[in-house]
Protein backbone atom coordinates (compact mmCIF):
# COMPACT_ATOMS: atom_id res chain seq x y z
CA MET A 1 40.42 -34.44 -58.42
CA ASP A 2 39.36 -37.19 -60.21
CA ARG A 3 40.40 -38.33 -63.73
CA ARG A 4 38.06 -36.43 -65.66
CA THR A 5 39.02 -33.27 -64.04
CA PHE A 6 42.63 -34.53 -64.22
CA SER A 7 42.05 -34.72 -68.03
CA LYS A 8 40.65 -30.90 -67.88
CA PHE A 9 43.96 -30.41 -65.91
CA LEU A 10 46.19 -31.41 -68.45
CA ALA A 11 44.54 -29.76 -71.34
CA LEU A 12 44.71 -26.46 -69.49
CA MET A 13 48.77 -26.95 -68.84
CA MET A 14 48.95 -27.30 -72.39
CA ILE A 15 47.33 -24.48 -73.31
CA SER A 16 49.57 -22.88 -70.77
CA SER A 17 52.59 -24.30 -72.35
CA ARG A 18 51.59 -23.13 -76.01
CA GLN A 19 50.93 -19.47 -74.51
CA ALA A 20 54.29 -19.47 -73.08
CA LEU A 21 56.30 -20.58 -75.87
CA GLY A 22 57.09 -17.41 -77.32
CA ALA A 23 58.80 -16.98 -74.14
CA SER A 24 60.27 -20.21 -73.70
CA LYS A 25 62.33 -20.15 -76.99
CA LYS A 26 64.08 -17.24 -75.71
CA GLU A 27 64.94 -18.61 -72.63
CA LYS A 28 68.02 -21.34 -72.68
CA ILE A 29 67.34 -24.17 -69.90
CA MET A 30 69.87 -26.43 -68.43
CA VAL A 31 68.55 -29.91 -66.68
CA ILE A 32 71.38 -31.29 -64.37
CA GLY A 33 70.74 -35.11 -64.15
CA ALA A 34 69.48 -37.47 -66.77
CA GLY A 35 67.45 -39.80 -64.43
CA ILE A 36 64.02 -40.22 -64.85
CA VAL A 37 63.00 -37.18 -63.41
CA GLY A 38 65.42 -35.12 -65.29
CA THR A 39 65.07 -36.67 -68.35
CA SER A 40 61.08 -36.37 -68.45
CA ILE A 41 61.30 -32.64 -67.44
CA ALA A 42 63.74 -32.01 -70.33
CA TYR A 43 61.38 -33.78 -72.41
CA GLU A 44 58.21 -31.88 -71.59
CA LEU A 45 60.23 -28.57 -71.86
CA SER A 46 61.56 -29.16 -75.48
CA LYS A 47 57.88 -30.80 -76.41
CA ALA A 48 56.98 -27.21 -75.70
CA GLY A 49 59.47 -25.50 -77.71
CA ALA A 50 62.08 -24.56 -74.94
CA GLN A 51 65.84 -24.43 -76.06
CA VAL A 52 66.89 -27.41 -73.50
CA SER A 53 70.21 -28.88 -72.73
CA LEU A 54 69.95 -32.12 -70.72
CA ILE A 55 73.40 -33.13 -68.96
CA ASP A 56 74.99 -36.32 -66.97
CA LYS A 57 78.21 -36.57 -65.17
CA ALA A 58 78.22 -40.19 -66.48
CA PHE A 59 75.31 -41.28 -68.63
CA PRO A 60 71.40 -41.26 -68.98
CA GLY A 61 69.98 -43.38 -66.11
CA SER A 62 73.10 -44.33 -64.57
CA ALA A 63 72.27 -43.96 -60.85
CA ALA A 64 68.87 -44.79 -59.18
CA SER A 65 66.83 -44.89 -62.02
CA GLY A 66 68.76 -47.09 -63.82
CA ASN A 67 68.82 -49.67 -60.88
CA SER A 68 65.18 -49.15 -59.81
CA PHE A 69 62.69 -51.74 -59.59
CA SER A 70 60.57 -49.23 -61.75
CA TRP A 71 57.15 -49.39 -59.58
CA ILE A 72 54.46 -46.78 -60.28
CA ASN A 73 52.14 -46.80 -57.49
CA ALA A 74 50.28 -44.69 -55.00
CA THR A 75 50.12 -47.09 -52.15
CA TYR A 76 50.05 -46.65 -48.65
CA PRO A 77 53.58 -45.28 -47.61
CA LYS A 78 52.83 -42.19 -50.00
CA LYS A 79 51.26 -39.77 -47.20
CA PRO A 80 49.88 -37.24 -46.17
CA TYR A 81 47.19 -36.74 -48.92
CA ALA A 82 49.29 -34.28 -50.71
CA TYR A 83 51.69 -36.70 -51.51
CA ASN A 84 49.24 -39.59 -52.29
CA LEU A 85 47.15 -37.62 -54.52
CA LEU A 86 50.17 -36.25 -56.63
CA SER A 87 51.62 -40.41 -56.99
CA GLN A 88 47.57 -40.89 -57.83
CA LEU A 89 48.10 -38.07 -60.52
CA GLY A 90 51.36 -39.34 -61.41
CA ILE A 91 49.64 -42.69 -62.83
CA ASP A 92 47.17 -40.78 -64.85
CA ALA A 93 50.02 -38.55 -66.05
CA TYR A 94 51.98 -41.84 -67.41
CA LYS A 95 48.67 -42.86 -68.98
CA SER A 96 48.55 -39.67 -70.96
CA LEU A 97 51.97 -39.91 -71.96
CA GLU A 98 51.43 -43.53 -73.40
CA THR A 99 49.26 -41.75 -76.23
CA GLU A 100 52.87 -39.90 -76.90
CA MET A 101 55.03 -42.85 -76.74
CA ASP A 102 55.17 -46.76 -76.40
CA LEU A 103 56.31 -47.05 -72.46
CA ARG A 104 56.23 -50.55 -72.00
CA ILE A 105 54.39 -50.19 -69.09
CA ARG A 106 52.30 -53.38 -67.65
CA TRP A 107 49.31 -51.76 -65.78
CA SER A 108 48.93 -55.10 -63.92
CA GLY A 109 48.46 -54.04 -60.26
CA SER A 110 50.40 -55.26 -57.30
CA TYR A 111 49.76 -57.74 -54.79
CA GLU A 112 51.19 -57.22 -51.21
CA TRP A 113 51.12 -59.16 -47.95
CA PHE A 114 53.51 -60.04 -45.00
CA THR A 115 53.95 -63.57 -43.25
CA SER A 116 54.03 -61.56 -39.97
CA LYS A 117 50.88 -61.27 -38.52
CA GLU A 118 51.59 -57.69 -36.56
CA ASP A 119 52.66 -56.22 -39.93
CA GLN A 120 49.64 -57.46 -41.68
CA ILE A 121 47.61 -55.68 -39.13
CA LYS A 122 49.74 -52.62 -40.02
CA LEU A 123 49.08 -53.13 -43.79
CA PHE A 124 45.57 -53.13 -43.42
CA LYS A 125 45.15 -50.11 -40.89
CA GLU A 126 47.46 -48.37 -43.44
CA ILE A 127 44.75 -49.07 -46.25
CA GLU A 128 41.45 -48.28 -44.27
CA THR A 129 43.65 -44.89 -43.76
CA LEU A 130 44.14 -44.88 -47.34
CA LYS A 131 40.57 -45.24 -48.19
CA LYS A 132 39.58 -42.20 -46.12
CA TYR A 133 41.29 -39.86 -48.62
CA PRO A 134 39.14 -37.98 -51.24
CA ARG A 135 40.79 -39.59 -53.74
CA TYR A 136 42.25 -42.90 -53.52
CA SER A 137 43.62 -45.26 -55.60
CA ALA A 138 41.79 -48.70 -56.34
CA VAL A 139 42.60 -51.13 -53.52
CA GLU A 140 40.93 -53.72 -51.88
CA VAL A 141 41.80 -56.80 -49.90
CA ILE A 142 41.29 -60.30 -51.07
CA LYS A 143 41.71 -63.87 -50.08
CA ALA A 144 44.69 -66.24 -51.13
CA ASP A 145 42.40 -68.30 -53.25
CA GLU A 146 41.78 -65.29 -55.16
CA ALA A 147 45.15 -64.35 -55.78
CA ARG A 148 46.26 -67.64 -56.93
CA ILE A 149 43.96 -67.67 -60.10
CA SER A 150 46.18 -64.45 -61.42
CA GLU A 151 49.25 -65.52 -59.95
CA PRO A 152 49.47 -69.66 -59.62
CA ASN A 153 52.97 -69.27 -58.98
CA ILE A 154 52.56 -67.46 -55.43
CA ILE A 155 52.75 -69.75 -52.29
CA LEU A 156 50.24 -68.52 -49.77
CA ASN A 157 48.68 -69.88 -46.32
CA ASP A 158 45.21 -70.23 -47.37
CA SER A 159 44.32 -67.92 -44.69
CA SER A 160 46.30 -65.31 -46.17
CA ASP A 161 44.84 -61.95 -47.26
CA ILE A 162 46.54 -59.94 -50.02
CA VAL A 163 46.31 -56.16 -50.53
CA PHE A 164 45.43 -56.15 -54.35
CA SER A 165 46.02 -52.24 -55.77
CA LYS A 166 44.54 -52.38 -59.07
CA ASP A 167 46.22 -49.27 -60.34
CA ASP A 168 50.06 -50.07 -59.99
CA GLY A 169 52.28 -50.34 -63.04
CA ALA A 170 55.67 -51.32 -63.60
CA MET A 171 57.89 -49.94 -66.40
CA ASP A 172 60.77 -50.55 -68.14
CA THR A 173 62.64 -47.14 -67.14
CA ALA A 174 65.96 -47.52 -69.24
CA HIS A 175 63.78 -47.79 -72.37
CA THR A 176 61.25 -44.72 -71.28
CA ILE A 177 64.83 -42.64 -70.84
CA ASP A 178 66.12 -43.54 -74.40
CA LEU A 179 62.63 -43.08 -75.62
CA MET A 180 62.27 -39.49 -74.24
CA ILE A 181 65.91 -38.31 -75.54
CA LYS A 182 65.56 -39.08 -78.76
CA ASN A 183 62.50 -36.89 -78.64
CA ILE A 184 64.10 -34.20 -76.75
CA GLU A 185 66.98 -34.54 -79.77
CA ASN A 186 64.34 -34.52 -82.46
CA HIS A 187 62.87 -31.27 -80.86
CA GLY A 188 66.04 -29.66 -80.89
CA GLY A 189 67.37 -30.04 -77.55
CA SER A 190 70.67 -31.43 -76.78
CA VAL A 191 71.87 -34.46 -74.30
CA LEU A 192 75.42 -34.35 -73.21
CA TYR A 193 77.25 -36.89 -71.03
CA PRO A 194 79.63 -37.78 -69.60
CA CYS A 195 79.13 -33.93 -68.63
CA ASP A 196 80.13 -32.81 -65.05
CA PHE A 197 78.44 -30.09 -63.55
CA GLN A 198 81.00 -27.67 -62.12
CA GLY A 199 79.34 -24.23 -61.15
CA LEU A 200 76.98 -21.40 -61.78
CA ASN A 201 78.12 -17.94 -64.11
CA TYR A 202 76.08 -15.31 -63.63
CA SER A 203 75.99 -11.73 -65.24
CA ASN A 204 73.79 -8.77 -63.76
CA GLY A 205 72.80 -10.70 -61.08
CA LYS A 206 70.97 -13.32 -63.52
CA LEU A 207 71.99 -17.11 -64.58
CA SER A 208 74.05 -16.63 -67.92
CA SER A 209 75.57 -19.99 -68.01
CA VAL A 210 76.27 -23.51 -66.26
CA LYS A 211 80.02 -24.22 -66.33
CA THR A 212 80.70 -28.02 -67.02
CA SER A 213 83.33 -30.28 -67.91
CA MET A 214 82.34 -29.97 -71.42
CA GLY A 215 82.90 -25.78 -71.00
CA SER A 216 80.19 -22.89 -70.07
CA LEU A 217 76.97 -23.89 -71.94
CA GLU A 218 74.40 -20.84 -72.03
CA ALA A 219 71.32 -21.00 -69.51
CA ASN A 220 68.87 -18.57 -68.29
CA GLN A 221 67.51 -21.37 -65.98
CA ALA A 222 68.69 -24.63 -64.39
CA ILE A 223 66.82 -27.43 -63.11
CA PHE A 224 68.60 -29.64 -60.72
CA ALA A 225 67.39 -33.33 -61.01
CA THR A 226 70.62 -34.71 -58.93
CA GLY A 227 69.30 -37.48 -56.53
CA ILE A 228 71.83 -38.20 -54.06
CA ASP A 229 74.10 -35.44 -55.28
CA THR A 230 71.65 -32.63 -54.21
CA ASP A 231 73.35 -31.63 -50.74
CA ASN A 232 76.69 -31.65 -52.05
CA LEU A 233 76.10 -29.45 -55.24
CA PHE A 234 74.21 -26.97 -53.11
CA SER A 235 75.78 -27.51 -49.41
CA LYS A 236 72.52 -28.13 -47.85
CA ASN A 237 71.29 -30.60 -45.44
CA LEU A 238 67.75 -31.83 -47.01
CA MET A 239 68.76 -35.65 -48.02
CA ASN A 240 69.02 -38.63 -45.28
CA THR A 241 72.13 -40.77 -46.05
CA SER A 242 71.11 -42.99 -49.15
CA LYS A 243 70.27 -46.59 -48.81
CA PRO A 244 71.13 -49.40 -51.48
CA GLY A 245 68.31 -51.34 -53.15
CA ILE A 246 69.48 -54.52 -54.56
CA ILE A 247 68.25 -55.08 -58.04
CA MET A 248 68.24 -58.41 -60.13
CA ARG A 249 67.46 -58.65 -63.74
CA THR A 250 67.12 -61.92 -65.63
CA GLN A 251 67.48 -63.06 -69.09
CA PRO A 252 63.97 -62.87 -71.05
CA THR A 253 61.95 -65.84 -70.23
CA ASP A 254 58.35 -67.25 -70.55
CA GLN A 255 55.17 -65.46 -68.95
CA ARG A 256 55.12 -66.53 -65.23
CA PHE A 257 54.17 -63.38 -63.02
CA ASN A 258 51.24 -61.28 -64.24
CA LYS A 259 51.37 -58.82 -61.37
CA ILE A 260 53.82 -56.80 -59.44
CA ILE A 261 54.40 -58.99 -56.15
CA VAL A 262 55.55 -57.39 -53.37
CA GLY A 263 56.02 -60.04 -50.88
CA PRO A 264 57.76 -60.40 -47.67
CA GLY A 265 61.61 -59.17 -48.23
CA VAL A 266 61.62 -59.35 -52.05
CA HIS A 267 59.51 -57.97 -54.70
CA LEU A 268 59.29 -58.77 -58.11
CA HIS A 269 57.37 -58.03 -61.51
CA GLN A 270 58.15 -59.51 -65.26
CA GLN A 271 58.60 -57.08 -67.83
CA THR A 272 57.10 -57.01 -71.37
CA ASP A 273 60.34 -58.34 -72.78
CA GLY A 274 60.11 -61.35 -70.45
CA ARG A 275 62.75 -60.13 -68.17
CA VAL A 276 61.92 -60.63 -64.40
CA ILE A 277 62.93 -57.88 -62.02
CA PHE A 278 63.99 -58.57 -58.26
CA GLY A 279 63.76 -55.96 -55.98
CA GLU A 280 65.16 -55.99 -52.25
CA GLN A 281 64.47 -53.00 -50.31
CA ALA A 282 66.09 -53.95 -47.15
CA GLY A 283 69.51 -53.86 -49.22
CA ALA A 284 72.91 -55.13 -48.17
CA PRO A 285 73.50 -56.50 -44.75
CA SER A 286 75.42 -54.23 -42.32
CA SER A 287 78.28 -56.23 -42.65
CA HIS A 288 78.98 -55.47 -46.40
CA LEU A 289 78.21 -51.65 -46.04
CA GLU A 290 81.93 -50.68 -45.58
CA ARG A 291 82.80 -52.15 -49.08
CA LEU A 292 79.76 -50.00 -50.65
CA ARG A 293 81.08 -46.94 -48.95
CA GLU A 294 81.53 -45.53 -52.18
CA GLN A 295 78.42 -46.35 -53.22
CA PRO A 296 79.09 -48.09 -56.37
CA ASN A 297 76.18 -49.38 -58.90
CA GLN A 298 77.87 -52.43 -59.21
CA PHE A 299 79.32 -54.85 -56.95
CA PRO A 300 82.74 -54.89 -56.14
CA SER A 301 83.61 -58.72 -57.24
CA HIS A 302 81.32 -61.47 -58.75
CA ALA A 303 81.67 -63.33 -55.82
CA PHE A 304 80.39 -60.75 -53.48
CA ALA A 305 77.41 -60.22 -56.23
CA LYS A 306 76.61 -63.95 -56.17
CA GLU A 307 76.39 -63.77 -51.94
CA HIS A 308 73.40 -61.24 -53.02
CA ILE A 309 71.81 -63.16 -55.72
CA ASP A 310 71.28 -66.18 -53.67
CA ARG A 311 70.51 -64.39 -50.56
CA ILE A 312 67.72 -62.85 -52.53
CA LEU A 313 66.68 -65.91 -54.65
CA ASN A 314 66.44 -68.13 -51.84
CA THR A 315 64.09 -65.32 -49.97
CA ALA A 316 62.16 -65.25 -52.68
CA LYS A 317 61.40 -69.33 -52.96
CA LEU A 318 60.01 -68.66 -49.67
CA PHE A 319 56.89 -67.43 -51.50
CA MET A 320 57.47 -67.89 -55.03
CA LYS A 321 57.78 -71.20 -56.99
CA ASN A 322 58.83 -71.97 -60.48
CA ILE A 323 61.82 -69.66 -60.41
CA ASP A 324 64.83 -72.09 -60.26
CA ASP A 325 65.55 -71.98 -63.85
CA LEU A 326 65.49 -68.29 -64.16
CA LYS A 327 69.04 -66.96 -65.19
CA ILE A 328 70.38 -63.80 -63.61
CA GLU A 329 71.55 -61.33 -66.02
CA LYS A 330 72.40 -58.44 -64.06
CA THR A 331 72.49 -57.43 -60.53
CA SER A 332 72.98 -53.95 -59.45
CA ILE A 333 72.48 -51.70 -56.81
CA GLY A 334 70.08 -48.31 -56.75
CA TRP A 335 70.88 -45.56 -54.25
CA ARG A 336 68.17 -44.34 -53.16
CA PRO A 337 67.60 -40.29 -52.92
CA LEU A 338 65.92 -39.54 -49.57
CA PRO A 339 64.41 -36.54 -48.48
CA LYS A 340 64.68 -35.83 -44.74
CA ASP A 341 60.97 -35.78 -44.49
CA GLY A 342 60.67 -38.46 -46.95
CA LYS A 343 58.40 -36.16 -49.14
CA PRO A 344 59.69 -34.90 -52.76
CA ILE A 345 61.37 -31.75 -52.70
CA ILE A 346 60.40 -29.80 -55.93
CA GLY A 347 60.64 -25.86 -56.47
CA ARG A 348 63.03 -23.00 -56.90
CA LEU A 349 65.78 -21.81 -54.25
CA ALA A 350 64.72 -19.02 -52.36
CA GLU A 351 68.33 -17.58 -52.56
CA THR A 352 68.98 -18.18 -56.35
CA PRO A 353 65.15 -17.77 -57.93
CA ASP A 354 66.75 -19.28 -61.23
CA VAL A 355 67.58 -22.77 -59.86
CA TYR A 356 65.10 -25.02 -59.57
CA ILE A 357 65.35 -28.36 -57.99
CA ALA A 358 63.49 -31.85 -58.46
CA THR A 359 64.72 -34.44 -56.07
CA MET A 360 62.62 -37.39 -54.68
CA HIS A 361 62.66 -41.10 -53.50
CA SER A 362 59.77 -42.02 -56.05
CA GLY A 363 61.04 -40.73 -59.15
CA VAL A 364 59.65 -43.88 -60.97
CA SER A 365 56.21 -43.04 -59.71
CA LEU A 366 56.22 -39.11 -59.75
CA ALA A 367 58.42 -38.37 -63.15
CA ALA A 368 55.46 -37.69 -65.48
CA ILE A 369 53.47 -35.63 -63.37
CA VAL A 370 56.41 -33.52 -61.95
CA ALA A 371 57.52 -33.25 -65.21
CA LYS A 372 54.37 -31.51 -66.38
CA LEU A 373 54.28 -29.47 -63.47
CA VAL A 374 57.79 -28.32 -63.33
CA SER A 375 57.97 -27.53 -66.88
CA GLN A 376 54.96 -25.30 -66.63
CA GLU A 377 56.22 -23.56 -63.43
CA ILE A 378 59.43 -22.75 -65.41
CA LEU A 379 57.63 -21.69 -68.77
CA ASP A 380 55.22 -19.19 -67.34
CA GLY A 381 56.62 -18.55 -63.88
CA SER A 382 53.92 -19.68 -62.01
CA LYS A 383 53.12 -21.72 -58.68
CA ASN A 384 51.01 -24.91 -58.94
CA ALA A 385 48.95 -25.55 -55.75
CA LEU A 386 49.51 -29.08 -56.17
CA LEU A 387 53.24 -28.60 -55.40
CA LYS A 388 53.01 -26.10 -52.32
CA ASP A 389 53.83 -29.01 -49.73
CA PHE A 390 56.96 -30.08 -51.47
CA ARG A 391 59.01 -26.84 -51.36
CA PRO A 392 62.71 -26.33 -50.67
CA SER A 393 61.85 -23.70 -48.32
CA ARG A 394 60.06 -26.04 -45.90
CA PHE A 395 64.07 -26.77 -44.57
CA ASN A 396 64.99 -23.25 -44.10
């Protein structure tokens, strides 16, 4: 599907949503989980005229979304092709969404490389696989000298080859969630927090309301975008054990980094407000995991946080310069939802067809396209072929 085809596809979805508008006004839809995925779905439904309630047990963006590296990409780990295509359409959907609101996305592309020769060879093989897909993101291998032109603060071996993924972007996710919530409320929807989900009420075999800590709220359909809580809520075995990703944000500073830098061990990018975001995907060392057993979003002590700050900065200094004076504003832990097969879980539960699940690891990358597809399926009862490989039924 090329970009022109996708534009037509978006237009058809808008027509479908308008056609379903009469039915959607009768439907009361509850979205549980106000991360980027749940909030985006609630936004699309409210925009189409549905009666939407969005709840969160803490506050919007309190879990993985608010503690995310916020990288929008369709790079080589997104396999097989169906998953990669969905991620590419996610990039297109965000660009469409930018016409509706100021999302503060920097479409700068990303640079990625490894210091290990073995890892570099694996990376290039993955890129060759990506290029064989019928549609793939613009990606090329460039030399160190070319990379330094746009990123003078990178420390590279002269013989280094860099993978440049041109379509990648980085977003201020908290800002996006805030904007969407304002629009949901402007469309007549409600956003409630802290509000715990406590159960579902049925009448004559159909969902009638959702039990919450704020009482029972009317709902004919329920969408769960609940990340790492998905298995516990449904007594299922869809997810692997969540792993922590450590995120550091600096105070605003002058422009130092132009692209998303996916360096050995540490990633970083600079937001439009000047903050530099560091992400360490390896997470905490095994010696620290017991202290993180309760999956906190913040470190239990300042001393503990400083250990990780120092470790991440020291790793970054191996391939970046001009970061010694950066002032760390916040350090947090994002507990990433990890479906068992690595692919998103999107669709209705067979045993409860008025319950819909939308859980995935790449929530930031996929939220815009998933929201459009899910809202269409909810409004008109359709099944979109783009989601056929991601249904919960594959785990039955």
